[in-house]
Amino acid sequence: MVQIDEKTILNNLINLKQIVFEVTEKCNLKCEYCGLSERLYQVYDYRKNRDMPFKKAKSIIDYLLNLWNENKVQDTSFRLVVGFYGGEPLINSSLIRKIIDYFEQLKIESRKIQYTMTTNAVLMDKYMDFLVEKNFILFISLDGDENAQSYRLDHSGKNSFEQIIHNVKLLRVKHPDYFEKSVNFTSVLHNRNDVEPIYHFFKRNFGKVPKIYPLNTSGISENKKEEFRKMYQNVSQSLMKATDCETFEKEYFLDLPRGYWLSKYLYALSGNIFLNYNHLLTQNLVNSEIYTGTCMPFSNKMFISSEGKILPCERIDSDFVMGYAHEDHVELDYKYVAEQHNCFLTKCANQCMRCATNMFCPKCIYTIDDIRDKSPHCINFCTKEAFDKDSEKIFDSLRKYPHYYDKILSEVNF
């Protein structure tokens, strides 16, 4: 197993790709399946309607800028994505403006900044001009038609569909070029919708293909598991029910079991796919690694909670806090972050090394419910017998559909 150290964490921060600010815990909707509510989930940090103070956001920006300046490579500029998260982030639009103003004031030469936000669009009619002005990449949460949206209620218990669809259409009319280029949709799959009607709803109304996600399966309350089971729907199973198989194979190839496993299999085990020249030259040196779906801390992003907790991702429970952004300084111990990460990997090592899908595991160790126990159990564990059966299905797909190989090589971003 490859261990990381404080130098790894430092290098990840120097090359940080994305920082996400939870600008508020407040939300103007009360979605019944929300992973941040106690409706279905065991929540470590209860929502207290907190807003992030600007001084904490400034503190982490200054901290990172100091690192970047100390390790600056002359005449280079990297893309930095600055994301805003909630709650509903537009509730605290004043803080978003302050953060953007501060970035613009700093004029960071080593970073090309792109702003992004996930929003429920309830307040979008008030702030759309600002979002367009700052060229936000926008992700609008909408589960489909009115019935599909019926789990996403406002605080009076009313379906949010009419208000959101009005604002989305208004944005399209006022800023058609921006809408075409920068607006995306995300939908949560559950027992009141399906992939096919979701797809046709967005194609028909907006000419867009939404990204579809299942409900979060981690941290479900013990007494809510039966209720969750009734609400949950698997994306691939829903795709298999589609009548227009050719269209959905094109649009959601990687979400179909055949496409997902084929791409992962070819990448991990074919010996023919390399990310770059370094990967080509060093492939034989990394066979002893434990491959989980876990990113190294801060290798992809940094998430700052409303109260200043530093985490590697917004999808990870805040009890895995790795540091704190205070109003006048940042508390971040690289050695502790590395040791905690190594500790969790070590706990999974025995099970991972016996897992037949070790080389292309999709599971993040921080979402294993009992990862803090002495011997955690991963629900994605796969025996050799089960893997051999899946492998035969993969080879059968290649024999029947040889064009899949070219499709994966030319279209899939590993």
Protein backbone atom coordinates (compact mmCIF):
# COMPACT_ATOMS: atom_id res chain seq x y z
CA MET A 1 0.00 0.00 0.00
CA VAL A 2 1.32 3.43 -0.94
CA GLN A 3 1.36 5.80 2.04
CA ILE A 4 1.05 9.55 1.62
CA ASP A 5 2.84 12.13 3.75
CA GLU A 6 2.70 15.84 4.51
CA LYS A 7 4.62 16.63 1.33
CA THR A 8 1.81 15.02 -0.68
CA ILE A 9 -0.76 17.24 1.04
CA LEU A 10 1.34 20.35 0.47
CA ASN A 11 1.77 19.53 -3.21
CA ASN A 12 -1.98 18.98 -3.60
CA LEU A 13 -2.69 22.40 -2.06
CA ILE A 14 -0.12 24.09 -4.28
CA ASN A 15 -1.87 22.56 -7.30
CA LEU A 16 -5.43 22.86 -5.96
CA LYS A 17 -7.99 22.66 -8.78
CA GLN A 18 -11.15 23.71 -6.95
CA ILE A 19 -12.24 25.42 -3.74
CA VAL A 20 -15.88 25.27 -2.63
CA PHE A 21 -17.40 27.62 -0.05
CA GLU A 22 -20.52 26.61 1.87
CA VAL A 23 -21.74 30.18 2.09
CA THR A 24 -24.85 29.29 4.09
CA GLU A 25 -26.68 26.41 5.71
CA LYS A 26 -30.03 28.09 5.07
CA CYS A 27 -32.29 26.68 2.39
CA ASN A 28 -35.62 27.89 0.99
CA LEU A 29 -36.66 24.31 0.19
CA LYS A 30 -37.20 21.32 2.43
CA CYS A 31 -36.49 18.34 0.17
CA GLU A 32 -37.67 15.09 1.69
CA TYR A 33 -34.57 13.16 0.59
CA CYS A 34 -32.00 15.84 1.49
CA GLY A 35 -28.77 14.27 2.76
CA LEU A 36 -28.24 17.21 5.15
CA SER A 37 -31.53 16.72 7.00
CA GLU A 38 -32.55 14.23 9.67
CA ARG A 39 -35.51 13.07 7.57
CA LEU A 40 -33.69 9.93 6.37
CA TYR A 41 -30.09 10.31 7.49
CA GLN A 42 -27.94 10.31 10.61
CA VAL A 43 -26.55 13.83 10.45
CA TYR A 44 -23.30 14.64 12.29
CA ASP A 45 -23.70 18.40 12.03
CA TYR A 46 -27.28 19.57 12.40
CA ARG A 47 -28.22 22.50 10.19
CA LYS A 48 -28.24 25.64 12.32
CA ASN A 49 -28.97 28.21 9.61
CA ARG A 50 -25.42 29.55 9.87
CA ASP A 51 -23.84 31.85 7.31
CA MET A 52 -20.11 31.76 6.62
CA PRO A 53 -18.39 34.94 7.87
CA PHE A 54 -16.41 36.71 5.15
CA LYS A 55 -13.33 36.77 7.39
CA LYS A 56 -13.18 32.94 7.29
CA ALA A 57 -13.43 32.90 3.52
CA LYS A 58 -10.75 35.60 3.30
CA SER A 59 -8.55 33.67 5.70
CA ILE A 60 -8.44 30.52 3.55
CA ILE A 61 -8.00 32.53 0.33
CA ASP A 62 -5.02 34.38 1.84
CA TYR A 63 -3.58 31.11 3.14
CA LEU A 64 -3.73 29.45 -0.29
CA LEU A 65 -2.48 32.56 -2.09
CA ASN A 66 0.57 32.60 0.16
CA LEU A 67 1.28 28.94 -0.75
CA TRP A 68 0.85 29.64 -4.45
CA ASN A 69 3.11 32.70 -4.36
CA GLU A 70 5.83 30.82 -2.47
CA ASN A 71 5.74 27.99 -5.02
CA LYS A 72 4.98 29.96 -8.15
CA VAL A 73 6.33 28.70 -11.46
CA GLN A 74 7.23 31.60 -13.71
CA ASP A 75 4.91 32.28 -16.68
CA THR A 76 2.41 29.56 -15.75
CA SER A 77 -1.28 29.89 -15.02
CA PHE A 78 -3.64 27.19 -13.77
CA ARG A 79 -7.42 27.00 -13.85
CA LEU A 80 -9.03 27.38 -10.42
CA VAL A 81 -12.73 26.64 -10.02
CA VAL A 82 -14.35 28.61 -7.19
CA GLY A 83 -17.66 27.02 -6.20
CA PHE A 84 -20.51 28.20 -3.98
CA TYR A 85 -22.58 25.71 -2.03
CA GLY A 86 -25.41 25.61 0.52
CA GLY A 87 -28.07 25.27 1.73
CA GLU A 88 -29.14 27.43 -1.13
CA PRO A 89 -26.12 29.63 -1.89
CA LEU A 90 -28.11 32.54 -3.38
CA ILE A 91 -29.66 33.15 0.06
CA ASN A 92 -26.26 34.57 0.99
CA SER A 93 -25.56 36.36 -2.27
CA SER A 94 -23.87 39.21 -0.40
CA LEU A 95 -21.05 36.89 0.70
CA ILE A 96 -20.69 35.49 -2.82
CA ARG A 97 -20.23 39.04 -4.11
CA LYS A 98 -17.64 39.80 -1.41
CA ILE A 99 -15.63 36.66 -2.20
CA ILE A 100 -15.66 37.40 -5.94
CA ASP A 101 -14.74 41.04 -5.33
CA TYR A 102 -11.82 39.89 -3.19
CA PHE A 103 -10.54 37.46 -5.82
CA GLU A 104 -10.77 40.21 -8.44
CA GLN A 105 -9.00 42.67 -6.15
CA LEU A 106 -6.10 40.22 -5.65
CA LYS A 107 -5.56 39.74 -9.40
CA ILE A 108 -3.94 36.32 -8.94
CA GLU A 109 -1.68 35.97 -11.97
CA SER A 110 -1.03 32.25 -11.45
CA ARG A 111 -4.73 31.32 -11.55
CA LYS A 112 -7.50 31.65 -14.14
CA ILE A 113 -10.66 31.66 -12.06
CA GLN A 114 -13.98 30.13 -13.10
CA TYR A 115 -17.02 30.53 -10.82
CA THR A 116 -19.58 27.78 -10.42
CA MET A 117 -22.71 27.19 -8.37
CA THR A 118 -25.33 24.56 -7.73
CA THR A 119 -28.71 26.21 -7.10
CA ASN A 120 -32.36 25.24 -6.72
CA ALA A 121 -33.19 28.37 -8.83
CA VAL A 122 -35.86 29.67 -6.44
CA LEU A 123 -34.08 33.04 -6.22
CA MET A 124 -32.58 33.03 -9.68
CA ASP A 125 -34.92 35.71 -11.05
CA LYS A 126 -33.32 38.20 -8.61
CA TYR A 127 -29.70 37.33 -9.31
CA MET A 128 -29.50 36.04 -12.87
CA ASP A 129 -27.91 39.21 -14.26
CA PHE A 130 -25.10 38.95 -11.71
CA LEU A 131 -24.56 35.24 -12.52
CA VAL A 132 -24.34 36.07 -16.22
CA GLU A 133 -22.02 39.04 -15.62
CA LYS A 134 -19.56 36.83 -13.70
CA ASN A 135 -19.93 33.98 -16.24
CA PHE A 136 -20.93 31.35 -13.69
CA ILE A 137 -21.11 27.72 -14.74
CA LEU A 138 -24.54 26.96 -13.33
CA PHE A 139 -25.97 23.65 -12.17
CA ILE A 140 -29.72 23.83 -11.58
CA SER A 141 -31.32 21.12 -9.44
CA LEU A 142 -34.59 19.99 -10.97
CA ASP A 143 -35.92 16.42 -10.89
CA GLY A 144 -38.10 16.65 -14.01
CA ASP A 145 -41.80 17.44 -14.37
CA GLU A 146 -44.18 18.46 -11.59
CA ASN A 147 -44.67 14.95 -10.20
CA ALA A 148 -40.93 14.23 -10.37
CA GLN A 149 -40.32 17.44 -8.41
CA SER A 150 -42.81 16.53 -5.68
CA TYR A 151 -40.17 15.63 -3.07
CA ARG A 152 -38.68 19.13 -3.42
CA LEU A 153 -41.05 21.21 -1.32
CA ASP A 154 -40.92 24.76 0.02
CA HIS A 155 -41.34 25.42 3.74
CA SER A 156 -45.11 25.61 3.41
CA GLY A 157 -45.16 22.12 1.89
CA LYS A 158 -45.85 23.28 -1.67
CA ASN A 159 -44.19 21.68 -4.70
CA SER A 160 -41.43 24.02 -5.93
CA PHE A 161 -41.89 23.10 -9.61
CA GLU A 162 -43.87 26.13 -10.87
CA GLN A 163 -41.59 28.73 -9.31
CA ILE A 164 -38.40 27.05 -10.51
CA ILE A 165 -39.60 26.37 -14.05
CA HIS A 166 -40.71 30.02 -14.33
CA ASN A 167 -37.24 31.25 -13.31
CA VAL A 168 -35.43 28.83 -15.61
CA LYS A 169 -37.53 29.92 -18.59
CA LEU A 170 -36.97 33.56 -17.68
CA LEU A 171 -33.20 33.02 -17.67
CA ARG A 172 -33.41 31.38 -21.08
CA VAL A 173 -35.40 34.29 -22.54
CA LYS A 174 -33.23 37.05 -21.05
CA HIS A 175 -29.84 35.43 -21.65
CA PRO A 176 -30.18 32.79 -24.41
CA ASP A 177 -26.47 32.58 -25.28
CA TYR A 178 -25.48 32.19 -21.63
CA PHE A 179 -28.21 29.60 -21.11
CA GLU A 180 -26.98 27.54 -24.04
CA LYS A 181 -23.34 27.66 -23.04
CA SER A 182 -23.24 27.72 -19.23
CA VAL A 183 -26.43 26.23 -17.77
CA ASN A 184 -26.61 22.56 -16.78
CA PHE A 185 -29.22 20.50 -15.00
CA THR A 186 -28.91 17.85 -12.30
CA SER A 187 -31.71 15.51 -11.30
CA VAL A 188 -32.07 13.15 -8.38
CA LEU A 189 -33.53 9.76 -9.29
CA HIS A 190 -36.19 8.33 -6.97
CA ASN A 191 -39.44 6.37 -7.06
CA ARG A 192 -41.46 9.24 -8.57
CA ASN A 193 -39.41 9.64 -11.73
CA ASP A 194 -37.35 7.62 -14.22
CA VAL A 195 -34.37 8.29 -16.48
CA GLU A 196 -36.37 8.22 -19.71
CA PRO A 197 -39.05 10.80 -18.76
CA ILE A 198 -36.39 12.98 -17.09
CA TYR A 199 -34.35 12.95 -20.28
CA HIS A 200 -37.32 13.76 -22.53
CA PHE A 201 -38.51 16.53 -20.18
CA PHE A 202 -35.21 18.41 -20.41
CA LYS A 203 -34.66 17.72 -24.10
CA ARG A 204 -38.16 18.88 -24.99
CA ASN A 205 -38.18 22.00 -22.80
CA PHE A 206 -34.56 23.16 -22.82
CA GLY A 207 -32.58 21.11 -25.33
CA LYS A 208 -30.35 19.85 -22.52
CA VAL A 209 -29.24 16.44 -21.28
CA PRO A 210 -29.34 16.39 -17.46
CA LYS A 211 -26.89 14.61 -15.21
CA ILE A 212 -28.84 12.09 -13.13
CA TYR A 213 -27.77 10.99 -9.63
CA PRO A 214 -29.18 8.35 -7.27
CA LEU A 215 -30.03 9.09 -3.66
CA ASN A 216 -27.11 9.09 -1.23
CA THR A 217 -26.79 5.58 0.24
CA SER A 218 -24.43 6.46 3.13
CA GLY A 219 -25.46 7.30 6.68
CA ILE A 220 -29.11 6.23 6.50
CA SER A 221 -30.81 6.11 9.90
CA GLU A 222 -31.51 2.57 11.03
CA ASN A 223 -35.24 3.23 11.53
CA LYS A 224 -35.52 4.87 8.10
CA LYS A 225 -33.96 2.16 5.95
CA GLU A 226 -37.28 0.69 4.81
CA GLU A 227 -38.61 4.14 3.88
CA PHE A 228 -35.36 4.85 2.02
CA ARG A 229 -35.57 1.52 0.18
CA LYS A 230 -39.02 2.44 -1.17
CA MET A 231 -37.79 5.85 -2.31
CA TYR A 232 -34.50 4.66 -3.85
CA GLN A 233 -34.05 3.79 -7.52
CA ASN A 234 -30.86 2.64 -9.21
CA VAL A 235 -29.81 4.67 -12.28
CA SER A 236 -28.72 1.67 -14.35
CA GLN A 237 -31.93 -0.25 -13.58
CA SER A 238 -33.99 2.75 -14.59
CA LEU A 239 -31.98 3.05 -17.81
CA MET A 240 -32.67 -0.58 -18.64
CA LYS A 241 -36.42 0.21 -18.62
CA ALA A 242 -36.01 2.82 -21.35
CA THR A 243 -37.80 2.11 -24.65
CA ASP A 244 -35.40 4.16 -26.81
CA CYS A 245 -32.28 2.12 -26.06
CA GLU A 246 -30.18 3.62 -28.87
CA THR A 247 -30.63 7.19 -27.63
CA PHE A 248 -29.89 6.33 -24.02
CA GLU A 249 -26.87 4.27 -24.93
CA LYS A 250 -25.48 7.40 -26.62
CA GLU A 251 -26.35 9.89 -23.88
CA TYR A 252 -25.82 7.76 -20.77
CA PHE A 253 -23.29 5.18 -21.95
CA LEU A 254 -21.23 5.28 -18.76
CA ASP A 255 -24.32 5.02 -16.54
CA LEU A 256 -25.32 1.75 -18.15
CA PRO A 257 -23.72 -1.29 -16.47
CA ARG A 258 -22.25 -2.43 -19.78
CA GLY A 259 -20.60 0.92 -20.55
CA TYR A 260 -19.43 1.61 -17.01
CA TRP A 261 -17.79 -1.77 -16.45
CA LEU A 262 -16.34 -1.95 -19.94
CA SER A 263 -14.62 1.44 -19.62
CA LYS A 264 -13.29 0.66 -16.15
CA TYR A 265 -12.15 -2.80 -17.23
CA LEU A 266 -10.30 -1.53 -20.29
CA TYR A 267 -8.62 1.25 -18.33
CA ALA A 268 -7.50 -0.89 -15.38
CA LEU A 269 -6.79 -4.29 -16.88
CA SER A 270 -6.32 -4.16 -20.64
CA GLY A 271 -2.76 -2.83 -20.44
CA ASN A 272 -3.48 -0.68 -23.48
CA ILE A 273 -4.68 2.61 -21.98
CA PHE A 274 -2.38 5.22 -20.45
CA LEU A 275 -3.19 8.65 -19.06
CA ASN A 276 0.15 10.13 -20.13
CA TYR A 277 3.77 9.21 -20.86
CA ASN A 278 4.63 8.99 -17.16
CA HIS A 279 1.84 6.48 -16.66
CA LEU A 280 3.19 4.46 -19.60
CA LEU A 281 6.71 4.39 -18.16
CA THR A 282 5.79 3.67 -14.52
CA GLN A 283 2.80 1.33 -14.81
CA ASN A 284 4.74 -1.69 -13.57
CA LEU A 285 5.81 0.14 -10.42
CA VAL A 286 2.34 0.63 -8.94
CA ASN A 287 0.84 -2.87 -8.97
CA SER A 288 0.95 -3.09 -5.17
CA GLU A 289 -1.27 -0.06 -4.64
CA ILE A 290 -4.67 -0.28 -3.06
CA TYR A 291 -7.04 1.38 -5.49
CA THR A 292 -10.15 2.80 -3.91
CA GLY A 293 -12.48 5.44 -5.29
CA THR A 294 -10.99 7.82 -2.72
CA CYS A 295 -9.24 10.97 -3.84
CA MET A 296 -6.10 11.94 -1.95
CA PRO A 297 -7.00 14.88 0.31
CA PHE A 298 -7.15 18.11 -1.73
CA SER A 299 -5.98 16.44 -4.94
CA ASN A 300 -9.24 17.56 -6.60
CA LYS A 301 -10.84 20.14 -4.34
CA MET A 302 -11.10 21.74 -0.93
CA PHE A 303 -14.44 22.30 0.78
CA ILE A 304 -14.94 24.96 3.48
CA SER A 305 -18.09 24.56 5.59
CA SER A 306 -20.10 27.53 6.82
CA GLU A 307 -18.41 27.33 10.22
CA GLY A 308 -14.93 27.02 8.70
CA LYS A 309 -14.33 23.28 8.74
CA ILE A 310 -11.89 22.16 6.04
CA LEU A 311 -12.77 18.96 4.18
CA PRO A 312 -11.60 17.46 0.88
CA CYS A 313 -15.13 17.28 -0.52
CA GLU A 314 -18.70 18.40 0.21
CA ARG A 315 -19.87 14.77 0.00
CA ILE A 316 -17.87 13.77 3.08
CA ASP A 317 -19.40 14.06 6.55
CA SER A 318 -17.95 16.88 8.59
CA ASP A 319 -16.80 14.55 11.38
CA PHE A 320 -13.84 13.84 9.06
CA VAL A 321 -12.75 17.46 9.46
CA MET A 322 -9.11 17.99 8.44
CA GLY A 323 -8.62 21.57 9.60
CA TYR A 324 -10.29 24.90 10.31
CA ALA A 325 -10.44 28.30 8.66
CA HIS A 326 -10.63 30.79 11.54
CA GLU A 327 -11.23 34.49 11.07
CA ASP A 328 -7.57 35.38 11.58
CA HIS A 329 -5.67 32.19 10.66
CA VAL A 330 -5.93 28.71 9.14
CA GLU A 331 -5.38 25.58 11.20
CA LEU A 332 -4.27 22.76 8.90
CA ASP A 333 -1.80 20.06 10.00
CA TYR A 334 -0.54 18.28 6.86
CA LYS A 335 0.93 15.41 8.89
CA TYR A 336 -2.39 14.77 10.66
CA VAL A 337 -4.32 14.84 7.36
CA ALA A 338 -1.93 12.31 5.80
CA GLU A 339 -1.91 10.04 8.85
CA GLN A 340 -5.71 10.01 9.11
CA HIS A 341 -6.00 9.15 5.42
CA ASN A 342 -3.40 6.38 5.72
CA CYS A 343 -5.15 5.01 8.81
CA PHE A 344 -8.46 4.60 6.99
CA LEU A 345 -6.77 3.01 3.98
CA THR A 346 -4.94 0.58 6.26
CA LYS A 347 -8.21 -0.48 7.88
CA CYS A 348 -9.56 -1.38 4.45
CA ALA A 349 -6.31 -2.92 3.16
CA ASN A 350 -7.06 -6.58 3.86
CA GLN A 351 -10.51 -6.44 2.29
CA CYS A 352 -9.33 -4.30 -0.64
CA MET A 353 -6.46 -6.62 -1.53
CA ARG A 354 -8.90 -9.55 -1.69
CA CYS A 355 -11.43 -7.61 -3.78
CA ALA A 356 -11.45 -8.55 -7.45
CA THR A 357 -12.39 -5.01 -8.50
CA ASN A 358 -9.56 -3.45 -6.52
CA MET A 359 -8.11 -1.83 -9.65
CA PHE A 360 -11.26 0.17 -10.45
CA CYS A 361 -13.06 0.55 -7.16
CA PRO A 362 -15.79 3.25 -7.14
CA LYS A 363 -16.08 3.48 -3.34
CA CYS A 364 -14.76 6.41 -1.32
CA ILE A 365 -13.52 5.15 2.05
CA TYR A 366 -14.96 8.24 3.77
CA THR A 367 -18.47 7.07 2.81
CA ILE A 368 -18.09 3.63 4.41
CA ASP A 369 -20.48 3.89 7.35
CA ASP A 370 -18.27 1.95 9.80
CA ILE A 371 -14.86 3.22 8.62
CA ARG A 372 -13.98 4.33 12.16
CA ASP A 373 -14.46 0.78 13.46
CA LYS A 374 -11.56 -1.64 13.78
CA SER A 375 -12.70 -3.76 10.81
CA PRO A 376 -14.97 -1.74 8.49
CA HIS A 377 -17.00 -3.50 5.82
CA CYS A 378 -17.25 -2.21 2.26
CA ILE A 379 -20.54 -3.02 0.51
CA ASN A 380 -18.76 -2.89 -2.87
CA PHE A 381 -16.57 -5.93 -2.10
CA CYS A 382 -16.48 -8.32 -5.08
CA THR A 383 -15.36 -11.96 -5.06
CA LYS A 384 -13.23 -13.47 -7.84
CA GLU A 385 -16.14 -15.70 -8.87
CA ALA A 386 -18.47 -12.73 -9.28
CA PHE A 387 -15.79 -10.79 -11.14
CA ASP A 388 -15.13 -13.68 -13.56
CA LYS A 389 -18.83 -13.74 -14.44
CA ASP A 390 -18.80 -9.98 -15.03
CA SER A 391 -15.63 -10.30 -17.12
CA GLU A 392 -17.29 -12.81 -19.43
CA LYS A 393 -20.17 -10.38 -19.92
CA ILE A 394 -17.64 -7.68 -20.79
CA PHE A 395 -15.93 -9.85 -23.38
CA ASP A 396 -19.32 -10.84 -24.77
CA SER A 397 -20.19 -7.13 -25.18
CA LEU A 398 -16.95 -6.50 -27.04
CA ARG A 399 -17.61 -9.42 -29.36
CA LYS A 400 -21.13 -8.20 -30.12
CA TYR A 401 -20.37 -4.50 -30.16
CA PRO A 402 -16.70 -3.98 -31.18
CA HIS A 403 -17.36 -0.25 -31.78
CA TYR A 404 -17.58 0.20 -27.99
CA TYR A 405 -13.80 -0.02 -27.82
CA ASP A 406 -13.35 2.95 -30.15
CA LYS A 407 -16.14 4.83 -28.37
CA ILE A 408 -14.40 4.50 -25.03
CA LEU A 409 -10.98 5.50 -26.38
CA SER A 410 -12.31 8.57 -28.18
CA GLU A 411 -15.06 9.81 -25.84
CA VAL A 412 -14.48 8.69 -22.26
CA ASN A 413 -12.57 10.98 -19.91
CA PHE A 414 -10.97 8.63 -17.36
